[in-house]
Structure formats: structure tokens, C-alpha cells
Amino acid sequence: MIHFVLLIVCAGAIYLSCEWFVNAVEWLGERLKVGKMAVGTILAAFGTALPESVVTLVAVTTGATDEAKQIGVGAAMGGPLALATVAYGVTGAMLLLKRRRERLEAAALTGAPASGRASGPANGPGDETLGNAKDMERLAKDQKWFLPIFFLKVALGLVAFAFKPALGVLFFAAYAVYFWREIRSSRADEDTDDEEELEPLKLQPKAASPATWAVAVQTLTTLVVIFIAAHFFVKQLDVIGPMLGLSATVTALLLSPIATELPEIMNAVIWVRQGKTRLALANISGSMMIQATVPSGIGLIFTSWHFDGPLLWSGIVTMAAITYLLLTMRAHRLTPARLAVAGGFYAVFAIGLVPILG
């Protein structure tokens, strides 16, 4: 029972820390004068994805056996899978709930049908497209960056040659180029961004403009708490999995990736609740770019980077989910309902894993 209690406590600690983190990172973006999209794709993503990269680094550099090092490879593959499926799916589900609640509240005030048929062409809360054309184009660009990089990392897991470890540097370079592109485009878009009044910094709630040191302290402190709580969360899953009759392999491939990406999922939930859908989606896409490059580069340098059946299957499902999202974004037809469908790809992964492990 103590492990279940600790699991709930860790999840609560991650959520509360993410509340403080997203509050601080928005002020950090304002201090650094970067656009709102870069706050999600760079600042928030870098903060929440960095701990997972550290886990991969520790696993592949200190693992005494090849099996121990494979934990790092599994983390490098499991992270993008959870983000491309569960994180996007949860965001879509939260948007559906939020819009349904708004429609019910509006219907209660006006007496109009809650479906919205009387006031517009949309048939329900899941039929309205997300964002404007410019936002969708930027998010689609992130997916177009991610897909070929991820395809390359999967392809490299199927072959063996002498200089393969040296290719890890290319993944670091790819993220450096992405980082530079995001910062440059965000600065170009800064003047056209809608001005939104930021919530007071939680560390200085009475200050109209908090001190820079307070922004930095709140950002770094919450990151440390998120990092510690996330790792305790994973440890509890490692114990609870066998209690529920799940093998260590199933726990590592199905439950651990969701646990390690929990901060990104929590950030998305919080930003959707605050009506900042752009930041929620940008945080996920930016985290995916980090997960596709930094842990992969580390894994290529320090391991043989060889994929077995489950790892290959995770790569195939991830690419299928991103292809689905990319096509929907490019057609400007991304709705909360279609975004929620991405979560179904994780169910496909779980079902396909059964015969592979068998």
C-alpha cells in the first residue's frame, strides 16, 4: 500500500511543481524577450526534457552490462512515443472537456442548445479547429523536423557499422539548428504576438513585475522538485508493475515512458486549463525534438544502438502517430477530437506488444 500512496504523492508533487514551473517559465520568456511559441518549444521543453536526457546519460555511461545500458536506449525511444501519443491525446481530451464545459455554461446563461447548433456551424466542442493557420504551420514544421530525424534514429538501430557512434554528433547538431531556428523565428514574431497579461509570479504574488532573481529561483527550484518526484514516481511503478502481474519488460515499455513524460503532460493540462493551448502544444512538440536528438546522440555514442522487436515496434507506432498529426495539421483540420485520437496509437502499441513479447 505504501507504494501506491507514494505514487499518488509523487503525482501530486509533480502537478503542483508544474503549476509553479509554467508560471515561472512564462516570466522567464518575458525576461529573455522570446516569443510565446519559443516559451513552449524551447524554455519549457528544455526544462522538462533535460532530466530524461540525464537519465539516459547515466544509464549508458554507468551501466555495468549491455542490458543495463539498454535501459537508456529504451528511454530514448519511449519518451517520443509517450509524447506523440499520450501527451497529445491527453491535451485533446482536456480541450474537449474544457470546450464542453464552456458550452454548457453558455447554454445555461442563454438558454441555447448546448450542442451549439443554434448559434453556429459546429456540431460539438470537438469540431472547432485549434489555433490559427500560422500556429498550425509552425507546429507542422516541428513535426516535419521530428519525423526524418526520428526515422534516421530508428534506421540506425537496425544496422551496424564501425563509425556509427560518431553519428551521434549529428543529432546534437540537429537540435542546435532547431534551437537557433526557433529563437530567430520567435524574435521575429514577438511584435505580432497577442499581448497577454501574465499571472503574478507565485514567489512574489504582490509584485506587478517580479525580480529576475525570483523568476530564476522559482524556475530552478521547481525543476529540481519535478526531477526528484518524477524519478520516485518511476521507482514506485517498477515495484507496482510486478505486483499487478506485469513483467519488467512491459513495465519499462508501457508505464515508465508515461511516468518520465508526466511533467510535459502536466504542463499541457495546466496551460489548457488556463486557455493557453498554443503553449501546451508547443511544449509537447519542443520536448519531442529534444527527445529525438539529445538522448539519441548520447545513446549512439555510448552503446551499440541495436533495436530488438519491442523497440522497433515503438518506433513504428511513433512515426505513424506523427504522420497522422502532421497530415491533420497541414490540412488545418486539427480539432480537439482529432488530437485526442493520437492517444489511441498508444493502445495500438500496447496491443501489438503482446505477440512481440510472446
Protein backbone atom coordinates (compact mmCIF):
# COMPACT_ATOMS: atom_id res chain seq x y z
CA MET A 1 0.00 0.00 0.00
CA ILE A 2 2.86 2.37 0.76
CA HIS A 3 3.97 2.25 -2.89
CA PHE A 4 0.51 3.26 -4.12
CA VAL A 5 0.43 6.11 -1.58
CA LEU A 6 3.88 7.30 -2.68
CA LEU A 7 2.76 7.08 -6.33
CA ILE A 8 -0.15 9.44 -5.61
CA VAL A 9 2.05 11.76 -3.55
CA CYS A 10 4.65 11.96 -6.33
CA ALA A 11 1.97 12.66 -8.96
CA GLY A 12 0.59 15.44 -6.78
CA ALA A 13 4.06 16.89 -6.24
CA ILE A 14 4.73 16.86 -10.00
CA TYR A 15 1.44 18.63 -10.74
CA LEU A 16 1.95 21.35 -8.11
CA SER A 17 5.56 21.85 -9.20
CA CYS A 18 4.45 22.16 -12.82
CA GLU A 19 1.93 24.82 -11.74
CA TRP A 20 4.81 26.87 -10.34
CA PHE A 21 7.10 25.98 -13.24
CA VAL A 22 4.80 27.15 -16.05
CA ASN A 23 4.16 30.33 -14.07
CA ALA A 24 7.89 30.97 -13.78
CA VAL A 25 8.83 29.98 -17.34
CA GLU A 26 6.35 32.47 -18.83
CA TRP A 27 8.04 35.25 -16.86
CA LEU A 28 11.43 33.86 -17.93
CA GLY A 29 10.35 34.13 -21.57
CA GLU A 30 9.31 37.73 -20.95
CA ARG A 31 12.69 38.50 -19.36
CA LEU A 32 14.58 36.88 -22.26
CA LYS A 33 12.29 38.61 -24.78
CA VAL A 34 11.38 35.46 -26.70
CA GLY A 35 8.02 34.83 -28.38
CA LYS A 36 5.30 32.76 -26.80
CA MET A 37 5.86 29.75 -29.06
CA ALA A 38 9.54 29.63 -28.05
CA VAL A 39 8.49 29.69 -24.38
CA GLY A 40 6.85 26.32 -25.06
CA THR A 41 9.16 24.79 -27.67
CA ILE A 42 12.46 25.87 -26.09
CA LEU A 43 12.27 27.07 -22.47
CA ALA A 44 9.57 24.78 -21.04
CA ALA A 45 10.60 21.83 -23.22
CA PHE A 46 14.28 22.15 -22.33
CA GLY A 47 13.48 22.30 -18.63
CA THR A 48 11.17 19.29 -18.52
CA ALA A 49 13.05 17.11 -21.06
CA LEU A 50 16.54 17.70 -19.63
CA PRO A 51 16.05 15.29 -16.68
CA GLU A 52 15.16 12.44 -19.05
CA SER A 53 18.30 13.15 -21.05
CA VAL A 54 20.32 12.97 -17.83
CA VAL A 55 18.73 9.60 -17.06
CA THR A 56 19.79 8.30 -20.48
CA LEU A 57 23.32 9.64 -19.97
CA VAL A 58 23.67 8.00 -16.56
CA ALA A 59 22.26 4.67 -17.80
CA VAL A 60 24.53 4.36 -20.84
CA THR A 61 27.72 5.63 -19.16
CA THR A 62 27.50 3.82 -15.80
CA GLY A 63 25.66 0.63 -16.82
CA ALA A 64 27.82 -2.37 -15.99
CA THR A 65 26.20 -4.63 -18.60
CA ASP A 66 24.69 -4.27 -22.06
CA GLU A 67 21.26 -4.94 -20.52
CA ALA A 68 21.71 -2.01 -18.12
CA LYS A 69 22.75 0.27 -20.97
CA GLN A 70 19.68 -0.80 -22.94
CA ILE A 71 17.60 0.99 -20.30
CA GLY A 72 18.98 4.24 -21.68
CA VAL A 73 18.14 3.20 -25.24
CA GLY A 74 14.61 2.29 -24.15
CA ALA A 75 14.22 5.70 -22.52
CA ALA A 76 15.37 7.40 -25.73
CA MET A 77 12.65 5.54 -27.66
CA GLY A 78 9.92 5.52 -25.04
CA GLY A 79 9.94 9.28 -24.47
CA PRO A 80 8.96 10.30 -28.03
CA LEU A 81 6.36 7.52 -28.11
CA ALA A 82 4.63 8.76 -24.95
CA LEU A 83 4.73 12.39 -26.14
CA ALA A 84 3.44 11.65 -29.65
CA THR A 85 0.54 9.57 -28.35
CA VAL A 86 -0.37 10.02 -24.68
CA ALA A 87 0.66 13.68 -24.28
CA TYR A 88 -1.15 14.84 -27.42
CA GLY A 89 -4.12 12.60 -26.61
CA VAL A 90 -4.47 13.96 -23.07
CA THR A 91 -4.24 17.52 -24.41
CA GLY A 92 -7.04 16.80 -26.88
CA ALA A 93 -9.19 15.22 -24.18
CA MET A 94 -8.66 18.21 -21.88
CA LEU A 95 -9.64 20.59 -24.68
CA LEU A 96 -12.81 18.57 -25.30
CA LEU A 97 -13.73 18.74 -21.61
CA LYS A 98 -12.93 22.45 -21.41
CA ARG A 99 -14.95 23.37 -24.50
CA ARG A 100 -17.87 21.19 -23.45
CA ARG A 101 -17.92 22.87 -20.05
CA GLU A 102 -17.82 26.32 -21.69
CA ARG A 103 -20.73 25.40 -23.98
CA LEU A 104 -22.79 24.10 -21.07
CA GLU A 105 -22.12 27.29 -19.11
CA ALA A 106 -23.05 29.44 -22.12
CA ALA A 107 -26.20 27.38 -22.69
CA ALA A 108 -27.20 27.81 -19.06
CA LEU A 109 -26.91 31.60 -19.42
CA THR A 110 -28.61 31.98 -22.81
CA GLY A 111 -30.95 29.02 -22.93
CA ALA A 112 -29.48 27.92 -26.28
CA PRO A 113 -28.84 24.21 -27.02
CA ALA A 114 -25.53 23.04 -25.54
CA SER A 115 -24.54 21.40 -28.85
CA GLY A 116 -24.10 24.82 -30.40
CA ARG A 117 -26.20 24.03 -33.50
CA ALA A 118 -28.38 27.06 -32.91
CA SER A 119 -25.51 29.52 -32.80
CA GLY A 120 -23.02 28.22 -35.35
CA PRO A 121 -21.99 25.50 -37.77
CA ALA A 122 -20.02 23.46 -35.26
CA ASN A 123 -21.84 20.38 -34.04
CA GLY A 124 -19.93 19.97 -30.81
CA PRO A 125 -16.90 21.03 -28.79
CA GLY A 126 -14.61 18.72 -30.73
CA ASP A 127 -15.41 20.16 -34.17
CA GLU A 128 -13.65 23.53 -33.85
CA THR A 129 -10.13 23.70 -35.28
CA LEU A 130 -7.24 24.59 -32.99
CA GLY A 131 -5.32 27.84 -33.38
CA ASN A 132 -4.89 29.91 -36.50
CA ALA A 133 -3.21 28.96 -39.77
CA LYS A 134 0.12 30.45 -38.67
CA ASP A 135 0.20 28.44 -35.44
CA MET A 136 -0.64 25.23 -37.28
CA GLU A 137 2.12 25.88 -39.83
CA ARG A 138 4.68 26.33 -37.05
CA LEU A 139 3.55 23.17 -35.26
CA ALA A 140 3.58 21.27 -38.56
CA LYS A 141 7.17 22.44 -39.11
CA ASP A 142 8.13 20.92 -35.77
CA GLN A 143 6.65 17.59 -36.84
CA LYS A 144 8.43 17.82 -40.21
CA TRP A 145 11.70 18.33 -38.35
CA PHE A 146 10.97 15.49 -35.97
CA LEU A 147 9.90 12.83 -38.48
CA PRO A 148 13.08 12.50 -40.61
CA ILE A 149 15.32 12.74 -37.53
CA PHE A 150 13.33 10.04 -35.77
CA PHE A 151 13.29 7.87 -38.90
CA LEU A 152 17.09 8.10 -39.03
CA LYS A 153 17.47 7.10 -35.37
CA VAL A 154 15.24 4.05 -35.95
CA ALA A 155 17.10 3.10 -39.14
CA LEU A 156 20.44 3.30 -37.32
CA GLY A 157 19.09 0.84 -34.76
CA LEU A 158 18.77 -1.80 -37.50
CA VAL A 159 22.30 -1.63 -38.91
CA ALA A 160 25.84 -1.96 -37.60
CA PHE A 161 28.99 -0.30 -38.91
CA ALA A 162 32.25 0.96 -37.46
CA PHE A 163 31.65 4.74 -37.41
CA LYS A 164 28.04 4.65 -36.19
CA PRO A 165 28.92 6.15 -32.76
CA ALA A 166 30.34 9.24 -34.49
CA LEU A 167 26.91 9.96 -35.99
CA GLY A 168 25.68 10.86 -32.51
CA VAL A 169 27.22 14.30 -33.03
CA LEU A 170 24.83 14.87 -35.94
CA PHE A 171 21.85 14.59 -33.60
CA PHE A 172 23.31 17.24 -31.28
CA ALA A 173 23.89 19.46 -34.33
CA ALA A 174 20.30 18.91 -35.49
CA TYR A 175 18.95 20.17 -32.17
CA ALA A 176 21.32 23.16 -32.25
CA VAL A 177 19.92 24.14 -35.67
CA TYR A 178 16.35 23.67 -34.43
CA PHE A 179 17.10 25.76 -31.33
CA TRP A 180 18.55 28.58 -33.44
CA ARG A 181 15.60 28.48 -35.84
CA GLU A 182 13.04 28.64 -33.02
CA ILE A 183 14.75 31.56 -31.27
CA ARG A 184 15.12 33.51 -34.52
CA SER A 185 11.52 32.95 -35.62
CA SER A 186 10.17 33.72 -32.14
CA ARG A 187 12.01 37.04 -32.03
CA ALA A 188 10.63 37.86 -35.49
CA ASP A 189 7.10 37.03 -34.30
CA GLU A 190 7.42 38.77 -30.94
CA ASP A 191 5.86 42.03 -32.17
CA THR A 192 2.86 40.24 -33.68
CA ASP A 193 2.09 38.09 -30.62
CA ASP A 194 -1.07 38.96 -28.76
CA GLU A 195 -0.29 40.69 -25.50
CA GLU A 196 -1.44 38.55 -22.58
CA GLU A 197 -1.22 39.73 -19.02
CA LEU A 198 0.94 37.28 -17.10
CA GLU A 199 -0.26 35.92 -13.80
CA PRO A 200 1.74 37.24 -10.81
CA LEU A 201 4.83 35.20 -10.00
CA LYS A 202 3.85 32.79 -7.24
CA LEU A 203 7.05 33.54 -5.35
CA GLN A 204 6.21 37.28 -5.39
CA PRO A 205 2.41 37.37 -5.76
CA LYS A 206 2.08 41.09 -4.90
CA ALA A 207 4.71 42.32 -7.35
CA ALA A 208 3.44 43.65 -10.68
CA SER A 209 6.86 42.90 -12.18
CA PRO A 210 8.79 40.29 -10.18
CA ALA A 211 12.54 40.43 -9.63
CA THR A 212 14.65 38.48 -12.09
CA TRP A 213 16.29 36.56 -9.24
CA ALA A 214 12.85 35.40 -8.06
CA VAL A 215 11.97 34.17 -11.57
CA ALA A 216 15.26 32.25 -11.75
CA VAL A 217 14.88 30.76 -8.26
CA GLN A 218 11.29 29.62 -8.88
CA THR A 219 12.24 28.09 -12.26
CA LEU A 220 15.26 26.16 -10.97
CA THR A 221 13.63 25.04 -7.71
CA THR A 222 10.54 23.66 -9.43
CA LEU A 223 12.72 21.82 -11.95
CA VAL A 224 14.61 20.12 -9.13
CA VAL A 225 11.35 19.08 -7.44
CA ILE A 226 9.93 17.81 -10.75
CA PHE A 227 13.11 15.81 -11.41
CA ILE A 228 13.12 14.18 -7.96
CA ALA A 229 9.37 13.48 -7.89
CA ALA A 230 9.39 12.01 -11.42
CA HIS A 231 12.17 9.58 -10.55
CA PHE A 232 10.43 8.48 -7.34
CA PHE A 233 7.28 8.02 -9.44
CA VAL A 234 9.15 5.71 -11.84
CA LYS A 235 10.62 3.72 -8.93
CA GLN A 236 7.14 3.14 -7.50
CA LEU A 237 5.96 1.89 -10.90
CA ASP A 238 8.88 -0.52 -11.04
CA VAL A 239 7.62 -2.05 -7.78
CA ILE A 240 3.89 -1.85 -8.51
CA GLY A 241 4.21 -3.38 -12.01
CA PRO A 242 5.18 -6.88 -10.80
CA MET A 243 2.54 -6.61 -8.05
CA LEU A 244 -0.07 -6.23 -10.80
CA GLY A 245 1.35 -9.21 -12.68
CA LEU A 246 3.24 -7.14 -15.28
CA SER A 247 6.70 -8.22 -16.36
CA ALA A 248 9.68 -5.89 -16.03
CA THR A 249 9.76 -5.50 -19.82
CA VAL A 250 6.11 -4.47 -20.03
CA THR A 251 6.56 -2.05 -17.14
CA ALA A 252 9.61 -0.49 -18.78
CA LEU A 253 7.97 -0.11 -22.20
CA LEU A 254 4.38 0.77 -21.23
CA LEU A 255 4.39 2.52 -17.86
CA SER A 256 7.83 4.07 -17.40
CA PRO A 257 7.69 6.28 -20.55
CA ILE A 258 4.40 7.80 -19.37
CA ALA A 259 5.93 8.42 -15.95
CA THR A 260 9.05 10.12 -17.34
CA GLU A 261 6.95 12.34 -19.62
CA LEU A 262 4.49 13.20 -16.85
CA PRO A 263 5.88 16.76 -16.41
CA GLU A 264 5.17 17.59 -20.08
CA ILE A 265 1.68 16.11 -19.77
CA MET A 266 1.03 18.11 -16.59
CA ASN A 267 2.28 21.30 -18.24
CA ALA A 268 -0.12 20.74 -21.14
CA VAL A 269 -3.05 20.14 -18.76
CA ILE A 270 -2.28 23.33 -16.82
CA TRP A 271 -1.88 25.51 -19.93
CA VAL A 272 -5.08 24.14 -21.49
CA ARG A 273 -6.92 24.90 -18.26
CA GLN A 274 -5.57 28.46 -18.45
CA GLY A 275 -6.69 28.80 -22.08
CA LYS A 276 -3.12 28.78 -23.46
CA THR A 277 -3.44 25.95 -25.98
CA ARG A 278 -0.58 27.30 -28.10
CA LEU A 279 1.86 26.90 -25.22
CA ALA A 280 0.57 23.40 -24.39
CA LEU A 281 1.08 22.12 -27.95
CA ALA A 282 4.41 23.94 -28.34
CA ASN A 283 5.73 22.38 -25.11
CA ILE A 284 4.97 18.87 -26.38
CA SER A 285 6.44 19.44 -29.88
CA GLY A 286 9.56 21.07 -28.44
CA SER A 287 10.05 18.23 -25.95
CA MET A 288 9.74 15.73 -28.79
CA MET A 289 12.56 17.46 -30.66
CA ILE A 290 14.83 17.21 -27.63
CA GLN A 291 13.87 13.56 -27.11
CA ALA A 292 14.57 12.78 -30.77
CA THR A 293 18.05 14.28 -30.71
CA VAL A 294 19.86 14.61 -27.36
CA PRO A 295 19.18 11.16 -25.83
CA SER A 296 19.67 9.59 -29.26
CA GLY A 297 23.06 11.22 -29.68
CA ILE A 298 24.09 10.04 -26.22
CA GLY A 299 22.87 6.51 -26.93
CA LEU A 300 24.69 6.30 -30.26
CA ILE A 301 27.98 7.40 -28.73
CA PHE A 302 27.93 5.11 -25.69
CA THR A 303 26.02 1.99 -26.81
CA SER A 304 25.76 -0.33 -29.80
CA TRP A 305 22.33 1.25 -30.55
CA HIS A 306 20.79 -2.04 -31.64
CA PHE A 307 16.99 -2.43 -31.63
CA ASP A 308 15.04 -5.53 -30.73
CA GLY A 309 11.40 -6.18 -31.68
CA PRO A 310 9.74 -4.04 -28.97
CA LEU A 311 11.98 -1.04 -29.64
CA LEU A 312 11.37 -1.26 -33.38
CA TRP A 313 7.62 -1.52 -32.80
CA SER A 314 7.71 1.59 -30.59
CA GLY A 315 9.48 3.47 -33.38
CA ILE A 316 6.92 2.40 -35.99
CA VAL A 317 3.97 3.47 -33.81
CA THR A 318 5.63 6.82 -33.01
CA MET A 319 6.15 7.59 -36.69
CA ALA A 320 2.59 6.56 -37.51
CA ALA A 321 1.20 8.89 -34.83
CA ILE A 322 3.32 11.84 -36.00
CA THR A 323 2.39 11.23 -39.65
CA TYR A 324 -1.28 11.32 -38.66
CA LEU A 325 -0.81 14.59 -36.74
CA LEU A 326 1.32 16.16 -39.48
CA LEU A 327 -1.27 15.45 -42.18
CA THR A 328 -4.03 16.85 -39.97
CA MET A 329 -2.04 20.00 -39.14
CA ARG A 330 -1.06 20.68 -42.75
CA ALA A 331 -4.70 20.41 -43.79
CA HIS A 332 -5.60 22.89 -40.99
CA ARG A 333 -8.11 20.36 -39.69
CA LEU A 334 -6.67 19.72 -36.22
CA THR A 335 -9.54 19.69 -33.73
CA PRO A 336 -9.62 18.60 -30.07
CA ALA A 337 -11.31 15.35 -31.09
CA ARG A 338 -8.69 14.56 -33.76
CA LEU A 339 -5.91 15.46 -31.31
CA ALA A 340 -7.39 13.09 -28.74
CA VAL A 341 -7.30 10.28 -31.34
CA ALA A 342 -3.48 10.36 -31.09
CA GLY A 343 -3.81 8.68 -27.70
CA GLY A 344 -5.26 5.65 -29.45
CA PHE A 345 -1.89 4.94 -31.04
CA TYR A 346 -0.55 4.08 -27.58
CA ALA A 347 -3.28 1.46 -27.24
CA VAL A 348 -2.21 0.09 -30.64
CA PHE A 349 1.36 -0.10 -29.33
CA ALA A 350 0.25 -1.95 -26.19
CA ILE A 351 -1.84 -4.47 -28.17
CA GLY A 352 0.95 -5.08 -30.70
CA LEU A 353 3.45 -5.57 -27.91
CA VAL A 354 1.68 -8.71 -26.67
CA PRO A 355 2.60 -11.03 -29.60
CA ILE A 356 6.08 -9.48 -29.86
CA LEU A 357 6.90 -10.26 -26.24
CA GLY A 358 5.18 -13.62 -26.51
